[in-house]
Amino acid sequence: MTEPTIHVPEGYRQTHLRGLWALIGCRDCGGDGEFLVSDRDYPIEPSDGDEPELWYPQPCACLWAPPPHELRAFDAAQTRLWRHRERMRAVLEEIGPRQVGGTYWDGYWHRRYRVETVAIRFRDGDLTEPDWSITIRWDSSQRTTYRTPWNPRYDTKTPPAASPGAAPAPPELRYPAAVSCRRCRSRFPLVRAIHHAFCAR
């Protein structure tokens, strides 16, 4: 999308006043488009009893504005450009760090996939309506079109570390409290097996 332009006369520059350009070499405003004026016709030396002199900006006569139809077209083009940039920023945030050839971990499906293509298209050729999709191949070799936005809380480039699992139960919980024999409650399986073999006789 090209930047919207207005055919400005030579020697003029844009001011902070919307839709107005000022002559660069103007003697009154110096190219700013406005100058300070006072309600008093002549300067008065400040004294202890006088109020401070009030100054306020006045538009300069050198200001130039484009024809209304050209300004409307310029504003419409600027609006489309701003909308295009905002929508593209949102699309890039949804795609995230994923690039063609990269391998990533899907935190929702708990599966690894490889990105084969990343496509950004515009609906009906409208640059303010971008749409995106990526083609991925799962570890199972299944290929699919993927439109799930990147979630930095769950999606990563590597799978999360496997959980070590629950700790084994201590011996005092593996055997009933009624068992008072120390060898029956031993934490060594061999000691328990030998003891049970002899006790069973």
C-alpha atoms as a PDB file:
ATOM      1  CA  MET A   1       0.000   0.000   0.000  1.00  0.00           C
ATOM      2  CA  THR A   2       1.464   3.342  -1.068  1.00  0.00           C
ATOM      3  CA  GLU A   3       1.575   6.352   1.222  1.00  0.00           C
ATOM      4  CA  PRO A   4      -1.219   8.880   0.480  1.00  0.00           C
ATOM      5  CA  THR A   5       0.140  12.132  -0.958  1.00  0.00           C
ATOM      6  CA  ILE A   6      -1.047  15.671  -1.615  1.00  0.00           C
ATOM      7  CA  HIS A   7       0.444  17.906  -4.304  1.00  0.00           C
ATOM      8  CA  VAL A   8       1.844  20.661  -2.081  1.00  0.00           C
ATOM      9  CA  PRO A   9       3.184  23.860  -3.704  1.00  0.00           C
ATOM     10  CA  GLU A  10       6.928  24.265  -3.651  1.00  0.00           C
ATOM     11  CA  GLY A  11       8.310  26.050  -0.602  1.00  0.00           C
ATOM     12  CA  TYR A  12       5.542  24.906   1.792  1.00  0.00           C
ATOM     13  CA  ARG A  13       5.741  22.486   4.673  1.00  0.00           C
ATOM     14  CA  GLN A  14       3.127  20.722   6.784  1.00  0.00           C
ATOM     15  CA  THR A  15       2.266  22.232  10.156  1.00  0.00           C
ATOM     16  CA  HIS A  16       0.715  20.824  13.313  1.00  0.00           C
ATOM     17  CA  LEU A  17      -2.545  22.389  12.137  1.00  0.00           C
ATOM     18  CA  ARG A  18      -4.551  19.618  10.476  1.00  0.00           C
ATOM     19  CA  GLY A  19      -4.697  19.918   6.694  1.00  0.00           C
ATOM     20  CA  LEU A  20      -2.686  23.160   6.550  1.00  0.00           C
ATOM     21  CA  TRP A  21       0.763  23.955   5.099  1.00  0.00           C
ATOM     22  CA  ALA A  22       2.829  27.106   5.774  1.00  0.00           C
ATOM     23  CA  LEU A  23       5.336  29.024   3.670  1.00  0.00           C
ATOM     24  CA  ILE A  24       8.832  28.109   4.845  1.00  0.00           C
ATOM     25  CA  GLY A  25      10.283  31.629   4.487  1.00  0.00           C
ATOM     26  CA  CYS A  26       7.314  33.563   5.922  1.00  0.00           C
ATOM     27  CA  ARG A  27       8.392  36.691   7.857  1.00  0.00           C
ATOM     28  CA  ASP A  28       5.441  36.570  10.239  1.00  0.00           C
ATOM     29  CA  CYS A  29       5.377  32.931  11.360  1.00  0.00           C
ATOM     30  CA  GLY A  30       8.755  31.610  10.204  1.00  0.00           C
ATOM     31  CA  GLY A  31       7.081  28.619   8.582  1.00  0.00           C
ATOM     32  CA  ASP A  32       5.185  27.487  11.706  1.00  0.00           C
ATOM     33  CA  GLY A  33       1.782  28.581  10.391  1.00  0.00           C
ATOM     34  CA  GLU A  34       0.934  30.823  13.346  1.00  0.00           C
ATOM     35  CA  PHE A  35       2.376  33.679  15.360  1.00  0.00           C
ATOM     36  CA  LEU A  36       1.722  35.192  18.795  1.00  0.00           C
ATOM     37  CA  VAL A  37      -0.404  38.321  19.187  1.00  0.00           C
ATOM     38  CA  SER A  38      -1.560  40.390  22.157  1.00  0.00           C
ATOM     39  CA  ASP A  39      -4.728  42.312  22.913  1.00  0.00           C
ATOM     40  CA  ARG A  40      -2.653  45.474  23.461  1.00  0.00           C
ATOM     41  CA  ASP A  41      -1.840  47.655  20.508  1.00  0.00           C
ATOM     42  CA  TYR A  42       1.581  48.576  21.862  1.00  0.00           C
ATOM     43  CA  PRO A  43       3.964  46.979  24.359  1.00  0.00           C
ATOM     44  CA  ILE A  44       3.903  48.217  27.958  1.00  0.00           C
ATOM     45  CA  GLU A  45       6.868  47.907  30.249  1.00  0.00           C
ATOM     46  CA  PRO A  46       5.985  45.546  33.092  1.00  0.00           C
ATOM     47  CA  SER A  47       5.734  47.098  36.524  1.00  0.00           C
ATOM     48  CA  ASP A  48       4.828  45.849  39.955  1.00  0.00           C
ATOM     49  CA  GLY A  49       1.110  46.731  39.648  1.00  0.00           C
ATOM     50  CA  ASP A  50       0.505  45.656  36.029  1.00  0.00           C
ATOM     51  CA  GLU A  51      -0.940  42.310  35.009  1.00  0.00           C
ATOM     52  CA  PRO A  52       1.232  40.173  32.726  1.00  0.00           C
ATOM     53  CA  GLU A  53       0.609  40.656  29.045  1.00  0.00           C
ATOM     54  CA  LEU A  54      -1.390  37.787  27.482  1.00  0.00           C
ATOM     55  CA  TRP A  55      -0.277  36.304  24.174  1.00  0.00           C
ATOM     56  CA  TYR A  56      -2.171  33.810  22.052  1.00  0.00           C
ATOM     57  CA  PRO A  57      -1.524  32.190  18.662  1.00  0.00           C
ATOM     58  CA  GLN A  58      -2.959  33.646  15.483  1.00  0.00           C
ATOM     59  CA  PRO A  59      -3.121  31.737  12.151  1.00  0.00           C
ATOM     60  CA  CYS A  60      -0.788  33.204   9.568  1.00  0.00           C
ATOM     61  CA  ALA A  61      -1.977  34.490   6.203  1.00  0.00           C
ATOM     62  CA  CYS A  62       0.595  32.306   4.422  1.00  0.00           C
ATOM     63  CA  LEU A  63      -1.257  29.098   5.269  1.00  0.00           C
ATOM     64  CA  TRP A  64      -2.257  26.916   2.332  1.00  0.00           C
ATOM     65  CA  ALA A  65      -4.894  24.163   2.240  1.00  0.00           C
ATOM     66  CA  PRO A  66      -5.521  21.668  -0.544  1.00  0.00           C
ATOM     67  CA  PRO A  67      -8.889  21.538  -2.337  1.00  0.00           C
ATOM     68  CA  PRO A  68     -11.586  19.864  -0.203  1.00  0.00           C
ATOM     69  CA  HIS A  69     -11.972  16.834  -2.500  1.00  0.00           C
ATOM     70  CA  GLU A  70      -8.220  16.227  -2.476  1.00  0.00           C
ATOM     71  CA  LEU A  71      -8.072  16.573   1.317  1.00  0.00           C
ATOM     72  CA  ARG A  72     -10.960  14.121   1.726  1.00  0.00           C
ATOM     73  CA  ALA A  73      -9.190  11.613  -0.506  1.00  0.00           C
ATOM     74  CA  PHE A  74      -5.996  12.138   1.493  1.00  0.00           C
ATOM     75  CA  ASP A  75      -7.797  11.563   4.815  1.00  0.00           C
ATOM     76  CA  ALA A  76      -9.517   8.441   3.457  1.00  0.00           C
ATOM     77  CA  ALA A  77      -6.195   7.053   2.221  1.00  0.00           C
ATOM     78  CA  GLN A  78      -4.558   7.757   5.574  1.00  0.00           C
ATOM     79  CA  THR A  79      -7.411   5.972   7.346  1.00  0.00           C
ATOM     80  CA  ARG A  80      -7.026   2.929   5.109  1.00  0.00           C
ATOM     81  CA  LEU A  81      -3.272   2.946   5.649  1.00  0.00           C
ATOM     82  CA  TRP A  82      -3.674   3.130   9.431  1.00  0.00           C
ATOM     83  CA  ARG A  83      -6.245   0.305   9.392  1.00  0.00           C
ATOM     84  CA  HIS A  84      -3.974  -1.821   7.197  1.00  0.00           C
ATOM     85  CA  ARG A  85      -1.051  -1.363   9.604  1.00  0.00           C
ATOM     86  CA  GLU A  86      -3.165  -2.162  12.668  1.00  0.00           C
ATOM     87  CA  ARG A  87      -4.651  -5.315  11.118  1.00  0.00           C
ATOM     88  CA  MET A  88      -1.248  -6.502   9.900  1.00  0.00           C
ATOM     89  CA  ARG A  89       0.189  -5.963  13.386  1.00  0.00           C
ATOM     90  CA  ALA A  90      -2.612  -8.151  14.807  1.00  0.00           C
ATOM     91  CA  VAL A  91      -1.965 -10.850  12.187  1.00  0.00           C
ATOM     92  CA  LEU A  92       1.756 -10.946  12.953  1.00  0.00           C
ATOM     93  CA  GLU A  93       1.000 -11.239  16.678  1.00  0.00           C
ATOM     94  CA  GLU A  94      -1.277 -14.228  15.984  1.00  0.00           C
ATOM     95  CA  ILE A  95       1.367 -15.948  13.852  1.00  0.00           C
ATOM     96  CA  GLY A  96       3.949 -15.319  16.566  1.00  0.00           C
ATOM     97  CA  PRO A  97       7.525 -16.591  16.212  1.00  0.00           C
ATOM     98  CA  ARG A  98       6.539 -19.412  13.841  1.00  0.00           C
ATOM     99  CA  GLN A  99       8.556 -19.532  10.616  1.00  0.00           C
ATOM    100  CA  VAL A 100       8.773 -21.881   7.664  1.00  0.00           C
ATOM    101  CA  GLY A 101      10.930 -24.885   8.548  1.00  0.00           C
ATOM    102  CA  GLY A 102      10.643 -24.374  12.303  1.00  0.00           C
ATOM    103  CA  THR A 103       9.441 -27.044  14.720  1.00  0.00           C
ATOM    104  CA  TYR A 104       7.063 -26.056  17.540  1.00  0.00           C
ATOM    105  CA  TRP A 105       5.078 -27.593  20.377  1.00  0.00           C
ATOM    106  CA  ASP A 106       1.289 -27.172  20.480  1.00  0.00           C
ATOM    107  CA  GLY A 107       0.302 -26.670  24.110  1.00  0.00           C
ATOM    108  CA  TYR A 108      -3.377 -27.462  23.445  1.00  0.00           C
ATOM    109  CA  TRP A 109      -2.997 -30.750  21.555  1.00  0.00           C
ATOM    110  CA  HIS A 110       0.330 -31.641  23.252  1.00  0.00           C
ATOM    111  CA  ARG A 111       1.891 -32.489  19.913  1.00  0.00           C
ATOM    112  CA  ARG A 112       4.907 -31.362  17.958  1.00  0.00           C
ATOM    113  CA  TYR A 113       4.562 -29.954  14.440  1.00  0.00           C
ATOM    114  CA  ARG A 114       6.709 -28.493  11.678  1.00  0.00           C
ATOM    115  CA  VAL A 115       5.697 -25.388   9.717  1.00  0.00           C
ATOM    116  CA  GLU A 116       5.767 -25.894   5.950  1.00  0.00           C
ATOM    117  CA  THR A 117       4.159 -22.662   4.655  1.00  0.00           C
ATOM    118  CA  VAL A 118       2.908 -19.354   6.059  1.00  0.00           C
ATOM    119  CA  ALA A 119       0.322 -17.535   3.924  1.00  0.00           C
ATOM    120  CA  ILE A 120      -1.183 -14.057   4.365  1.00  0.00           C
ATOM    121  CA  ARG A 121      -4.038 -13.192   2.005  1.00  0.00           C
ATOM    122  CA  PHE A 122      -6.420 -10.249   1.700  1.00  0.00           C
ATOM    123  CA  ARG A 123     -10.151 -10.806   1.424  1.00  0.00           C
ATOM    124  CA  ASP A 124     -11.450  -9.570  -1.939  1.00  0.00           C
ATOM    125  CA  GLY A 125      -8.165  -7.729  -2.452  1.00  0.00           C
ATOM    126  CA  ASP A 126      -8.911  -5.363   0.458  1.00  0.00           C
ATOM    127  CA  LEU A 127      -5.619  -4.552   2.188  1.00  0.00           C
ATOM    128  CA  THR A 128      -7.493  -3.683   5.391  1.00  0.00           C
ATOM    129  CA  GLU A 129      -8.854  -7.249   5.690  1.00  0.00           C
ATOM    130  CA  PRO A 130      -5.845  -9.583   5.986  1.00  0.00           C
ATOM    131  CA  ASP A 131      -6.289 -13.292   6.685  1.00  0.00           C
ATOM    132  CA  TRP A 132      -3.588 -15.827   7.497  1.00  0.00           C
ATOM    133  CA  SER A 133      -3.020 -19.552   7.645  1.00  0.00           C
ATOM    134  CA  ILE A 134      -0.089 -21.916   8.028  1.00  0.00           C
ATOM    135  CA  THR A 135       0.379 -25.426   6.680  1.00  0.00           C
ATOM    136  CA  ILE A 136       1.896 -27.760   9.247  1.00  0.00           C
ATOM    137  CA  ARG A 137       2.951 -31.396   9.445  1.00  0.00           C
ATOM    138  CA  TRP A 138       2.441 -33.186  12.758  1.00  0.00           C
ATOM    139  CA  ASP A 139       4.897 -35.763  14.064  1.00  0.00           C
ATOM    140  CA  SER A 140       2.454 -38.405  12.794  1.00  0.00           C
ATOM    141  CA  SER A 141       3.128 -37.075   9.223  1.00  0.00           C
ATOM    142  CA  GLN A 142      -0.436 -35.760   8.999  1.00  0.00           C
ATOM    143  CA  ARG A 143      -0.594 -32.424   7.164  1.00  0.00           C
ATOM    144  CA  THR A 144      -3.207 -29.801   7.963  1.00  0.00           C
ATOM    145  CA  THR A 145      -4.001 -26.090   7.599  1.00  0.00           C
ATOM    146  CA  TYR A 146      -3.549 -24.374  10.942  1.00  0.00           C
ATOM    147  CA  ARG A 147      -5.109 -21.085  12.077  1.00  0.00           C
ATOM    148  CA  THR A 148      -4.686 -21.282  15.843  1.00  0.00           C
ATOM    149  CA  PRO A 149      -3.090 -18.073  17.200  1.00  0.00           C
ATOM    150  CA  TRP A 150       0.218 -18.405  19.002  1.00  0.00           C
ATOM    151  CA  ASN A 151      -0.226 -18.567  22.776  1.00  0.00           C
ATOM    152  CA  PRO A 152       3.057 -17.802  24.582  1.00  0.00           C
ATOM    153  CA  ARG A 153       1.686 -19.337  27.790  1.00  0.00           C
ATOM    154  CA  TYR A 154       1.389 -22.827  26.299  1.00  0.00           C
ATOM    155  CA  ASP A 155       3.098 -22.905  22.890  1.00  0.00           C
ATOM    156  CA  THR A 156       6.874 -23.251  22.750  1.00  0.00           C
ATOM    157  CA  LYS A 157       9.634 -24.391  20.437  1.00  0.00           C
ATOM    158  CA  THR A 158      10.386 -27.392  22.651  1.00  0.00           C
ATOM    159  CA  PRO A 159       8.055 -29.730  24.570  1.00  0.00           C
ATOM    160  CA  PRO A 160       7.850 -29.193  28.317  1.00  0.00           C
ATOM    161  CA  ALA A 161       9.937 -31.398  30.591  1.00  0.00           C
ATOM    162  CA  ALA A 162       8.270 -34.673  31.586  1.00  0.00           C
ATOM    163  CA  SER A 163       6.885 -34.797  35.085  1.00  0.00           C
ATOM    164  CA  PRO A 164       8.866 -37.127  37.405  1.00  0.00           C
ATOM    165  CA  GLY A 165       5.589 -38.602  38.673  1.00  0.00           C
ATOM    166  CA  ALA A 166       4.387 -39.250  42.173  1.00  0.00           C
ATOM    167  CA  ALA A 167       6.873 -40.261  44.870  1.00  0.00           C
ATOM    168  CA  PRO A 168       6.617 -43.879  46.109  1.00  0.00           C
ATOM    169  CA  ALA A 169       4.662 -44.402  49.276  1.00  0.00           C
ATOM    170  CA  PRO A 170       6.745 -44.819  52.422  1.00  0.00           C
ATOM    171  CA  PRO A 171       6.868 -48.297  54.039  1.00  0.00           C
ATOM    172  CA  GLU A 172       4.609 -47.283  56.911  1.00  0.00           C
ATOM    173  CA  LEU A 173       1.838 -46.578  54.415  1.00  0.00           C
ATOM    174  CA  ARG A 174       2.370 -49.725  52.298  1.00  0.00           C
ATOM    175  CA  TYR A 175       1.681 -52.089  55.178  1.00  0.00           C
ATOM    176  CA  PRO A 176      -1.185 -52.119  57.659  1.00  0.00           C
ATOM    177  CA  ALA A 177      -0.547 -50.733  61.113  1.00  0.00           C
ATOM    178  CA  ALA A 178      -1.399 -54.126  62.624  1.00  0.00           C
ATOM    179  CA  VAL A 179       1.847 -55.573  61.302  1.00  0.00           C
ATOM    180  CA  SER A 180       4.307 -55.075  64.148  1.00  0.00           C
ATOM    181  CA  CYS A 181       7.226 -57.146  62.842  1.00  0.00           C
ATOM    182  CA  ARG A 182      10.152 -54.980  61.896  1.00  0.00           C
ATOM    183  CA  ARG A 183      11.215 -57.306  59.057  1.00  0.00           C
ATOM    184  CA  CYS A 184       7.682 -57.336  57.611  1.00  0.00           C
ATOM    185  CA  ARG A 185       7.859 -53.528  57.427  1.00  0.00           C
ATOM    186  CA  SER A 186      11.376 -53.403  55.984  1.00  0.00           C
ATOM    187  CA  ARG A 187      11.909 -51.083  53.029  1.00  0.00           C
ATOM    188  CA  PHE A 188      14.114 -53.710  51.358  1.00  0.00           C
ATOM    189  CA  PRO A 189      12.077 -56.148  49.213  1.00  0.00           C
ATOM    190  CA  LEU A 190      14.646 -58.940  49.580  1.00  0.00           C
ATOM    191  CA  VAL A 191      14.520 -58.764  53.396  1.00  0.00           C
ATOM    192  CA  ARG A 192      10.716 -58.871  53.313  1.00  0.00           C
ATOM    193  CA  ALA A 193      10.667 -61.795  50.860  1.00  0.00           C
ATOM    194  CA  ILE A 194      13.084 -63.930  52.874  1.00  0.00           C
ATOM    195  CA  HIS A 195      11.289 -63.102  56.099  1.00  0.00           C
ATOM    196  CA  HIS A 196       7.882 -63.980  54.622  1.00  0.00           C
ATOM    197  CA  ALA A 197       9.292 -67.247  53.202  1.00  0.00           C
ATOM    198  CA  PHE A 198      10.516 -68.378  56.599  1.00  0.00           C
ATOM    199  CA  CYS A 199       7.476 -67.050  58.530  1.00  0.00           C
ATOM    200  CA  ALA A 200       5.095 -68.913  56.256  1.00  0.00           C
ATOM    201  CA  ARG A 201       6.479 -72.305  57.412  1.00  0.00           C
END
